[in-house]
Amino acid sequence: MEKALLIRAEWDDEARVWFATSDDVPGLVAEADTAGALLVKLRTLIPELLDANGYPDAGDVPFELFSRRFDVTHRQPA
């Protein structure tokens, strides 16, 4: 596997978790309380899902994790 797999992570404010999906890794849906914990999960889940979907062995599996979180801040009047 030469090109890096694209993994998207977004913060779910209602559920209070980060969740990840990917078009490059069939069946990937993961969540965790922190972005760091999500990354740890992905390091295990990605190879497992690739194996389960019949992708050929490729050793290292590079992936890019793009995360997005929307927030609001407030300015104090001058």
PDB file of N, CA and C in Angstrom:
ATOM      1  N   MET A   1       0.859  -1.154   0.000  1.00  0.00           N
ATOM      2  CA  MET A   1       0.000   0.000   0.000  1.00  0.00           C
ATOM      3  C   MET A   1       0.914   1.228   0.000  1.00  0.00           C
ATOM      4  N   GLU A   2       0.894   1.993  -1.059  1.00  0.00           N
ATOM      5  CA  GLU A   2       1.841   3.096  -1.211  1.00  0.00           C
ATOM      6  C   GLU A   2       1.281   4.432  -0.737  1.00  0.00           C
ATOM      7  N   LYS A   3       0.109   4.790  -1.192  1.00  0.00           N
ATOM      8  CA  LYS A   3      -0.419   6.098  -0.806  1.00  0.00           C
ATOM      9  C   LYS A   3      -1.035   6.025   0.587  1.00  0.00           C
ATOM     10  N   ALA A   4      -0.983   7.143   1.268  1.00  0.00           N
ATOM     11  CA  ALA A   4      -1.549   7.202   2.616  1.00  0.00           C
ATOM     12  C   ALA A   4      -3.072   7.147   2.555  1.00  0.00           C
ATOM     13  N   LEU A   5      -3.656   6.399   3.442  1.00  0.00           N
ATOM     14  CA  LEU A   5      -5.109   6.321   3.555  1.00  0.00           C
ATOM     15  C   LEU A   5      -5.611   7.589   4.232  1.00  0.00           C
ATOM     16  N   LEU A   6      -6.740   8.063   3.813  1.00  0.00           N
ATOM     17  CA  LEU A   6      -7.326   9.271   4.384  1.00  0.00           C
ATOM     18  C   LEU A   6      -8.384   8.887   5.418  1.00  0.00           C
ATOM     19  N   ILE A   7      -8.171   9.348   6.640  1.00  0.00           N
ATOM     20  CA  ILE A   7      -9.111   9.104   7.730  1.00  0.00           C
ATOM     21  C   ILE A   7      -9.617  10.467   8.210  1.00  0.00           C
ATOM     22  N   ARG A   8     -10.936  10.596   8.339  1.00  0.00           N
ATOM     23  CA  ARG A   8     -11.541  11.841   8.814  1.00  0.00           C
ATOM     24  C   ARG A   8     -12.018  11.647  10.248  1.00  0.00           C
ATOM     25  N   ALA A   9     -11.691  12.608  11.085  1.00  0.00           N
ATOM     26  CA  ALA A   9     -12.165  12.574  12.475  1.00  0.00           C
ATOM     27  C   ALA A   9     -12.884  13.879  12.770  1.00  0.00           C
ATOM     28  N   GLU A  10     -14.008  13.768  13.434  1.00  0.00           N
ATOM     29  CA  GLU A  10     -14.781  14.953  13.822  1.00  0.00           C
ATOM     30  C   GLU A  10     -15.233  14.806  15.261  1.00  0.00           C
ATOM     31  N   TRP A  11     -15.363  15.940  15.911  1.00  0.00           N
ATOM     32  CA  TRP A  11     -15.859  15.974  17.273  1.00  0.00           C
ATOM     33  C   TRP A  11     -17.376  15.985  17.252  1.00  0.00           C
ATOM     34  N   ASP A  12     -18.006  15.093  17.995  1.00  0.00           N
ATOM     35  CA  ASP A  12     -19.457  15.064  18.152  1.00  0.00           C
ATOM     36  C   ASP A  12     -19.758  15.698  19.503  1.00  0.00           C
ATOM     37  N   ASP A  13     -20.184  16.949  19.465  1.00  0.00           N
ATOM     38  CA  ASP A  13     -20.409  17.708  20.697  1.00  0.00           C
ATOM     39  C   ASP A  13     -21.517  17.094  21.546  1.00  0.00           C
ATOM     40  N   GLU A  14     -22.522  16.547  20.906  1.00  0.00           N
ATOM     41  CA  GLU A  14     -23.638  15.957  21.644  1.00  0.00           C
ATOM     42  C   GLU A  14     -23.207  14.688  22.379  1.00  0.00           C
ATOM     43  N   ALA A  15     -22.467  13.817  21.690  1.00  0.00           N
ATOM     44  CA  ALA A  15     -22.015  12.560  22.300  1.00  0.00           C
ATOM     45  C   ALA A  15     -20.724  12.746  23.103  1.00  0.00           C
ATOM     46  N   ARG A  16     -20.034  13.888  22.895  1.00  0.00           N
ATOM     47  CA  ARG A  16     -18.780  14.200  23.588  1.00  0.00           C
ATOM     48  C   ARG A  16     -17.673  13.200  23.251  1.00  0.00           C
ATOM     49  N   VAL A  17     -17.581  12.819  21.958  1.00  0.00           N
ATOM     50  CA  VAL A  17     -16.542  11.898  21.493  1.00  0.00           C
ATOM     51  C   VAL A  17     -16.009  12.344  20.137  1.00  0.00           C
ATOM     52  N   TRP A  18     -14.802  11.920  19.839  1.00  0.00           N
ATOM     53  CA  TRP A  18     -14.246  12.019  18.490  1.00  0.00           C
ATOM     54  C   TRP A  18     -14.675  10.772  17.741  1.00  0.00           C
ATOM     55  N   PHE A  19     -15.096  10.918  16.480  1.00  0.00           N
ATOM     56  CA  PHE A  19     -15.420   9.737  15.689  1.00  0.00           C
ATOM     57  C   PHE A  19     -14.691   9.816  14.357  1.00  0.00           C
ATOM     58  N   ALA A  20     -14.324   8.649  13.850  1.00  0.00           N
ATOM     59  CA  ALA A  20     -13.549   8.570  12.612  1.00  0.00           C
ATOM     60  C   ALA A  20     -14.235   7.672  11.606  1.00  0.00           C
ATOM     61  N   THR A  21     -14.143   8.073  10.336  1.00  0.00           N
ATOM     62  CA  THR A  21     -14.632   7.280   9.210  1.00  0.00           C
ATOM     63  C   THR A  21     -13.636   7.427   8.074  1.00  0.00           C
ATOM     64  N   SER A  22     -13.777   6.564   7.063  1.00  0.00           N
ATOM     65  CA  SER A  22     -12.877   6.642   5.922  1.00  0.00           C
ATOM     66  C   SER A  22     -13.477   5.937   4.718  1.00  0.00           C
ATOM     67  N   ASP A  23     -13.361   6.566   3.559  1.00  0.00           N
ATOM     68  CA  ASP A  23     -13.736   5.896   2.314  1.00  0.00           C
ATOM     69  C   ASP A  23     -12.650   4.913   1.889  1.00  0.00           C
ATOM     70  N   ASP A  24     -11.437   5.097   2.398  1.00  0.00           N
ATOM     71  CA  ASP A  24     -10.306   4.242   2.026  1.00  0.00           C
ATOM     72  C   ASP A  24     -10.236   2.950   2.823  1.00  0.00           C
ATOM     73  N   VAL A  25     -10.917   2.900   3.957  1.00  0.00           N
ATOM     74  CA  VAL A  25     -10.899   1.705   4.813  1.00  0.00           C
ATOM     75  C   VAL A  25     -12.348   1.254   5.007  1.00  0.00           C
ATOM     76  N   PRO A  26     -12.803   0.293   4.205  1.00  0.00           N
ATOM     77  CA  PRO A  26     -14.196  -0.145   4.304  1.00  0.00           C
ATOM     78  C   PRO A  26     -14.551  -0.603   5.718  1.00  0.00           C
ATOM     79  N   GLY A  27     -15.674  -0.088   6.213  1.00  0.00           N
ATOM     80  CA  GLY A  27     -16.171  -0.489   7.518  1.00  0.00           C
ATOM     81  C   GLY A  27     -15.605   0.277   8.690  1.00  0.00           C
ATOM     82  N   LEU A  28     -14.715   1.227   8.437  1.00  0.00           N
ATOM     83  CA  LEU A  28     -14.105   1.949   9.555  1.00  0.00           C
ATOM     84  C   LEU A  28     -15.089   2.937  10.165  1.00  0.00           C
ATOM     85  N   VAL A  29     -15.420   2.703  11.409  1.00  0.00           N
ATOM     86  CA  VAL A  29     -16.172   3.630  12.247  1.00  0.00           C
ATOM     87  C   VAL A  29     -15.615   3.427  13.646  1.00  0.00           C
ATOM     88  N   ALA A  30     -15.037   4.473  14.199  1.00  0.00           N
ATOM     89  CA  ALA A  30     -14.438   4.364  15.524  1.00  0.00           C
ATOM     90  C   ALA A  30     -14.720   5.646  16.290  1.00  0.00           C
ATOM     91  N   GLU A  31     -14.728   5.520  17.603  1.00  0.00           N
ATOM     92  CA  GLU A  31     -14.905   6.710  18.442  1.00  0.00           C
ATOM     93  C   GLU A  31     -14.064   6.580  19.696  1.00  0.00           C
ATOM     94  N   ALA A  32     -13.728   7.732  20.271  1.00  0.00           N
ATOM     95  CA  ALA A  32     -12.953   7.776  21.509  1.00  0.00           C
ATOM     96  C   ALA A  32     -13.156   9.130  22.173  1.00  0.00           C
ATOM     97  N   ASP A  33     -12.862   9.185  23.445  1.00  0.00           N
ATOM     98  CA  ASP A  33     -13.042  10.417  24.218  1.00  0.00           C
ATOM     99  C   ASP A  33     -12.066  11.524  23.827  1.00  0.00           C
ATOM    100  N   THR A  34     -10.872  11.134  23.371  1.00  0.00           N
ATOM    101  CA  THR A  34      -9.862  12.121  22.991  1.00  0.00           C
ATOM    102  C   THR A  34      -9.318  11.780  21.607  1.00  0.00           C
ATOM    103  N   ALA A  35      -8.729  12.788  20.958  1.00  0.00           N
ATOM    104  CA  ALA A  35      -8.119  12.554  19.643  1.00  0.00           C
ATOM    105  C   ALA A  35      -6.956  11.583  19.766  1.00  0.00           C
ATOM    106  N   GLY A  36      -6.198  11.678  20.848  1.00  0.00           N
ATOM    107  CA  GLY A  36      -5.084  10.764  21.068  1.00  0.00           C
ATOM    108  C   GLY A  36      -5.537   9.323  21.218  1.00  0.00           C
ATOM    109  N   ALA A  37      -6.603   9.110  21.970  1.00  0.00           N
ATOM    110  CA  ALA A  37      -7.150   7.764  22.147  1.00  0.00           C
ATOM    111  C   ALA A  37      -7.703   7.231  20.830  1.00  0.00           C
ATOM    112  N   LEU A  38      -8.260   8.096  20.019  1.00  0.00           N
ATOM    113  CA  LEU A  38      -8.760   7.684  18.712  1.00  0.00           C
ATOM    114  C   LEU A  38      -7.609   7.216  17.832  1.00  0.00           C
ATOM    115  N   LEU A  39      -6.514   7.934  17.843  1.00  0.00           N
ATOM    116  CA  LEU A  39      -5.339   7.563  17.065  1.00  0.00           C
ATOM    117  C   LEU A  39      -4.829   6.179  17.466  1.00  0.00           C
ATOM    118  N   VAL A  40      -4.788   5.914  18.756  1.00  0.00           N
ATOM    119  CA  VAL A  40      -4.356   4.598  19.238  1.00  0.00           C
ATOM    120  C   VAL A  40      -5.278   3.508  18.698  1.00  0.00           C
ATOM    121  N   LYS A  41      -6.590   3.723  18.742  1.00  0.00           N
ATOM    122  CA  LYS A  41      -7.553   2.759  18.208  1.00  0.00           C
ATOM    123  C   LYS A  41      -7.342   2.523  16.715  1.00  0.00           C
ATOM    124  N   LEU A  42      -7.122   3.610  15.980  1.00  0.00           N
ATOM    125  CA  LEU A  42      -6.965   3.495  14.532  1.00  0.00           C
ATOM    126  C   LEU A  42      -5.754   2.657  14.152  1.00  0.00           C
ATOM    127  N   ARG A  43      -4.693   2.734  14.926  1.00  0.00           N
ATOM    128  CA  ARG A  43      -3.483   1.950  14.645  1.00  0.00           C
ATOM    129  C   ARG A  43      -3.763   0.453  14.692  1.00  0.00           C
ATOM    130  N   THR A  44      -4.769   0.050  15.436  1.00  0.00           N
ATOM    131  CA  THR A  44      -5.164  -1.359  15.497  1.00  0.00           C
ATOM    132  C   THR A  44      -6.258  -1.677  14.486  1.00  0.00           C
ATOM    133  N   LEU A  45      -7.270  -0.811  14.418  1.00  0.00           N
ATOM    134  CA  LEU A  45      -8.435  -1.092  13.572  1.00  0.00           C
ATOM    135  C   LEU A  45      -8.121  -1.090  12.073  1.00  0.00           C
ATOM    136  N   ILE A  46      -7.284  -0.160  11.629  1.00  0.00           N
ATOM    137  CA  ILE A  46      -7.028  -0.066  10.184  1.00  0.00           C
ATOM    138  C   ILE A  46      -6.454  -1.360   9.628  1.00  0.00           C
ATOM    139  N   PRO A  47      -5.368  -1.910  10.183  1.00  0.00           N
ATOM    140  CA  PRO A  47      -4.858  -3.168   9.630  1.00  0.00           C
ATOM    141  C   PRO A  47      -5.869  -4.316   9.732  1.00  0.00           C
ATOM    142  N   GLU A  48      -6.616  -4.371  10.849  1.00  0.00           N
ATOM    143  CA  GLU A  48      -7.618  -5.430  11.007  1.00  0.00           C
ATOM    144  C   GLU A  48      -8.681  -5.348   9.919  1.00  0.00           C
ATOM    145  N   LEU A  49      -9.174  -4.137   9.633  1.00  0.00           N
ATOM    146  CA  LEU A  49     -10.209  -3.982   8.613  1.00  0.00           C
ATOM    147  C   LEU A  49      -9.667  -4.243   7.216  1.00  0.00           C
ATOM    148  N   LEU A  50      -8.447  -3.836   6.951  1.00  0.00           N
ATOM    149  CA  LEU A  50      -7.856  -4.131   5.639  1.00  0.00           C
ATOM    150  C   LEU A  50      -7.729  -5.635   5.446  1.00  0.00           C
ATOM    151  N   ASP A  51      -7.276  -6.351   6.477  1.00  0.00           N
ATOM    152  CA  ASP A  51      -7.188  -7.812   6.400  1.00  0.00           C
ATOM    153  C   ASP A  51      -8.567  -8.430   6.180  1.00  0.00           C
ATOM    154  N   ALA A  52      -9.558  -7.962   6.923  1.00  0.00           N
ATOM    155  CA  ALA A  52     -10.916  -8.507   6.825  1.00  0.00           C
ATOM    156  C   ALA A  52     -11.522  -8.275   5.444  1.00  0.00           C
ATOM    157  N   ASN A  53     -11.083  -7.208   4.769  1.00  0.00           N
ATOM    158  CA  ASN A  53     -11.618  -6.886   3.447  1.00  0.00           C
ATOM    159  C   ASN A  53     -10.762  -7.437   2.313  1.00  0.00           C
ATOM    160  N   GLY A  54      -9.765  -8.269   2.650  1.00  0.00           N
ATOM    161  CA  GLY A  54      -8.990  -8.950   1.634  1.00  0.00           C
ATOM    162  C   GLY A  54      -7.915  -8.127   0.945  1.00  0.00           C
ATOM    163  N   TYR A  55      -7.516  -7.023   1.539  1.00  0.00           N
ATOM    164  CA  TYR A  55      -6.431  -6.248   0.949  1.00  0.00           C
ATOM    165  C   TYR A  55      -5.140  -7.036   1.099  1.00  0.00           C
ATOM    166  N   PRO A  56      -4.265  -6.989   0.092  1.00  0.00           N
ATOM    167  CA  PRO A  56      -3.014  -7.751   0.185  1.00  0.00           C
ATOM    168  C   PRO A  56      -2.110  -7.209   1.294  1.00  0.00           C
ATOM    169  N   ASP A  57      -1.306  -8.117   1.847  1.00  0.00           N
ATOM    170  CA  ASP A  57      -0.345  -7.701   2.877  1.00  0.00           C
ATOM    171  C   ASP A  57       0.578  -6.644   2.303  1.00  0.00           C
ATOM    172  N   ALA A  58       0.854  -5.612   3.097  1.00  0.00           N
ATOM    173  CA  ALA A  58       1.700  -4.534   2.588  1.00  0.00           C
ATOM    174  C   ALA A  58       2.656  -4.005   3.643  1.00  0.00           C
ATOM    175  N   GLY A  59       2.774  -4.678   4.772  1.00  0.00           N
ATOM    176  CA  GLY A  59       3.661  -4.160   5.806  1.00  0.00           C
ATOM    177  C   GLY A  59       3.095  -2.902   6.430  1.00  0.00           C
ATOM    178  N   ASP A  60       3.879  -1.839   6.384  1.00  0.00           N
ATOM    179  CA  ASP A  60       3.429  -0.573   6.953  1.00  0.00           C
ATOM    180  C   ASP A  60       2.232  -0.025   6.182  1.00  0.00           C
ATOM    181  N   VAL A  61       1.305   0.562   6.899  1.00  0.00           N
ATOM    182  CA  VAL A  61       0.115   1.150   6.295  1.00  0.00           C
ATOM    183  C   VAL A  61       0.073   2.629   6.684  1.00  0.00           C
ATOM    184  N   PRO A  62       0.536   3.518   5.799  1.00  0.00           N
ATOM    185  CA  PRO A  62       0.501   4.941   6.128  1.00  0.00           C
ATOM    186  C   PRO A  62      -0.922   5.488   6.060  1.00  0.00           C
ATOM    187  N   PHE A  63      -1.240   6.370   7.009  1.00  0.00           N
ATOM    188  CA  PHE A  63      -2.551   7.019   6.954  1.00  0.00           C
ATOM    189  C   PHE A  63      -2.427   8.443   7.454  1.00  0.00           C
ATOM    190  N   GLU A  64      -3.318   9.289   6.945  1.00  0.00           N
ATOM    191  CA  GLU A  64      -3.404  10.684   7.364  1.00  0.00           C
ATOM    192  C   GLU A  64      -4.701  10.860   8.128  1.00  0.00           C
ATOM    193  N   LEU A  65      -4.604  11.443   9.302  1.00  0.00           N
ATOM    194  CA  LEU A  65      -5.784  11.693  10.124  1.00  0.00           C
ATOM    195  C   LEU A  65      -6.090  13.188  10.080  1.00  0.00           C
ATOM    196  N   PHE A  66      -7.197  13.519   9.454  1.00  0.00           N
ATOM    197  CA  PHE A  66      -7.643  14.911   9.387  1.00  0.00           C
ATOM    198  C   PHE A  66      -8.739  15.091  10.421  1.00  0.00           C
ATOM    199  N   SER A  67      -8.520  15.996  11.361  1.00  0.00           N
ATOM    200  CA  SER A  67      -9.526  16.204  12.394  1.00  0.00           C
ATOM    201  C   SER A  67     -10.146  17.585  12.262  1.00  0.00           C
ATOM    202  N   ARG A  68     -11.407  17.654  12.676  1.00  0.00           N
ATOM    203  CA  ARG A  68     -12.158  18.908  12.569  1.00  0.00           C
ATOM    204  C   ARG A  68     -13.055  19.034  13.789  1.00  0.00           C
ATOM    205  N   ARG A  69     -12.994  20.214  14.373  1.00  0.00           N
ATOM    206  CA  ARG A  69     -13.866  20.505  15.517  1.00  0.00           C
ATOM    207  C   ARG A  69     -14.284  21.962  15.423  1.00  0.00           C
ATOM    208  N   PHE A  70     -15.570  22.195  15.498  1.00  0.00           N
ATOM    209  CA  PHE A  70     -16.094  23.553  15.474  1.00  0.00           C
ATOM    210  C   PHE A  70     -16.296  24.029  16.897  1.00  0.00           C
ATOM    211  N   ASP A  71     -16.031  25.306  17.113  1.00  0.00           N
ATOM    212  CA  ASP A  71     -16.178  25.867  18.452  1.00  0.00           C
ATOM    213  C   ASP A  71     -16.574  27.329  18.320  1.00  0.00           C
ATOM    214  N   VAL A  72     -16.888  27.959  19.412  1.00  0.00           N
ATOM    215  CA  VAL A  72     -17.266  29.360  19.449  1.00  0.00           C
ATOM    216  C   VAL A  72     -16.526  30.012  20.604  1.00  0.00           C
ATOM    217  N   THR A  73     -16.050  31.217  20.370  1.00  0.00           N
ATOM    218  CA  THR A  73     -15.451  32.001  21.441  1.00  0.00           C
ATOM    219  C   THR A  73     -16.177  33.335  21.514  1.00  0.00           C
ATOM    220  N   HIS A  74     -16.029  34.035  22.590  1.00  0.00           N
ATOM    221  CA  HIS A  74     -16.726  35.304  22.776  1.00  0.00           C
ATOM    222  C   HIS A  74     -15.732  36.415  23.051  1.00  0.00           C
ATOM    223  N   ARG A  75     -15.957  37.536  22.447  1.00  0.00           N
ATOM    224  CA  ARG A  75     -15.132  38.724  22.698  1.00  0.00           C
ATOM    225  C   ARG A  75     -15.817  39.576  23.752  1.00  0.00           C
ATOM    226  N   GLN A  76     -15.023  40.142  24.606  1.00  0.00           N
ATOM    227  CA  GLN A  76     -15.550  41.042  25.627  1.00  0.00           C
ATOM    228  C   GLN A  76     -15.680  42.434  25.013  1.00  0.00           C
ATOM    229  N   PRO A  77     -16.724  43.178  25.330  1.00  0.00           N
ATOM    230  CA  PRO A  77     -16.854  44.535  24.822  1.00  0.00           C
ATOM    231  C   PRO A  77     -15.683  45.389  25.312  1.00  0.00           C
ATOM    232  N   ALA A  78     -15.269  46.325  24.471  1.00  0.00           N
ATOM    233  CA  ALA A  78     -14.155  47.205  24.830  1.00  0.00           C
ATOM    234  C   ALA A  78     -14.530  48.214  25.875  1.00  0.00           C
TER     235      ALA A  78
END
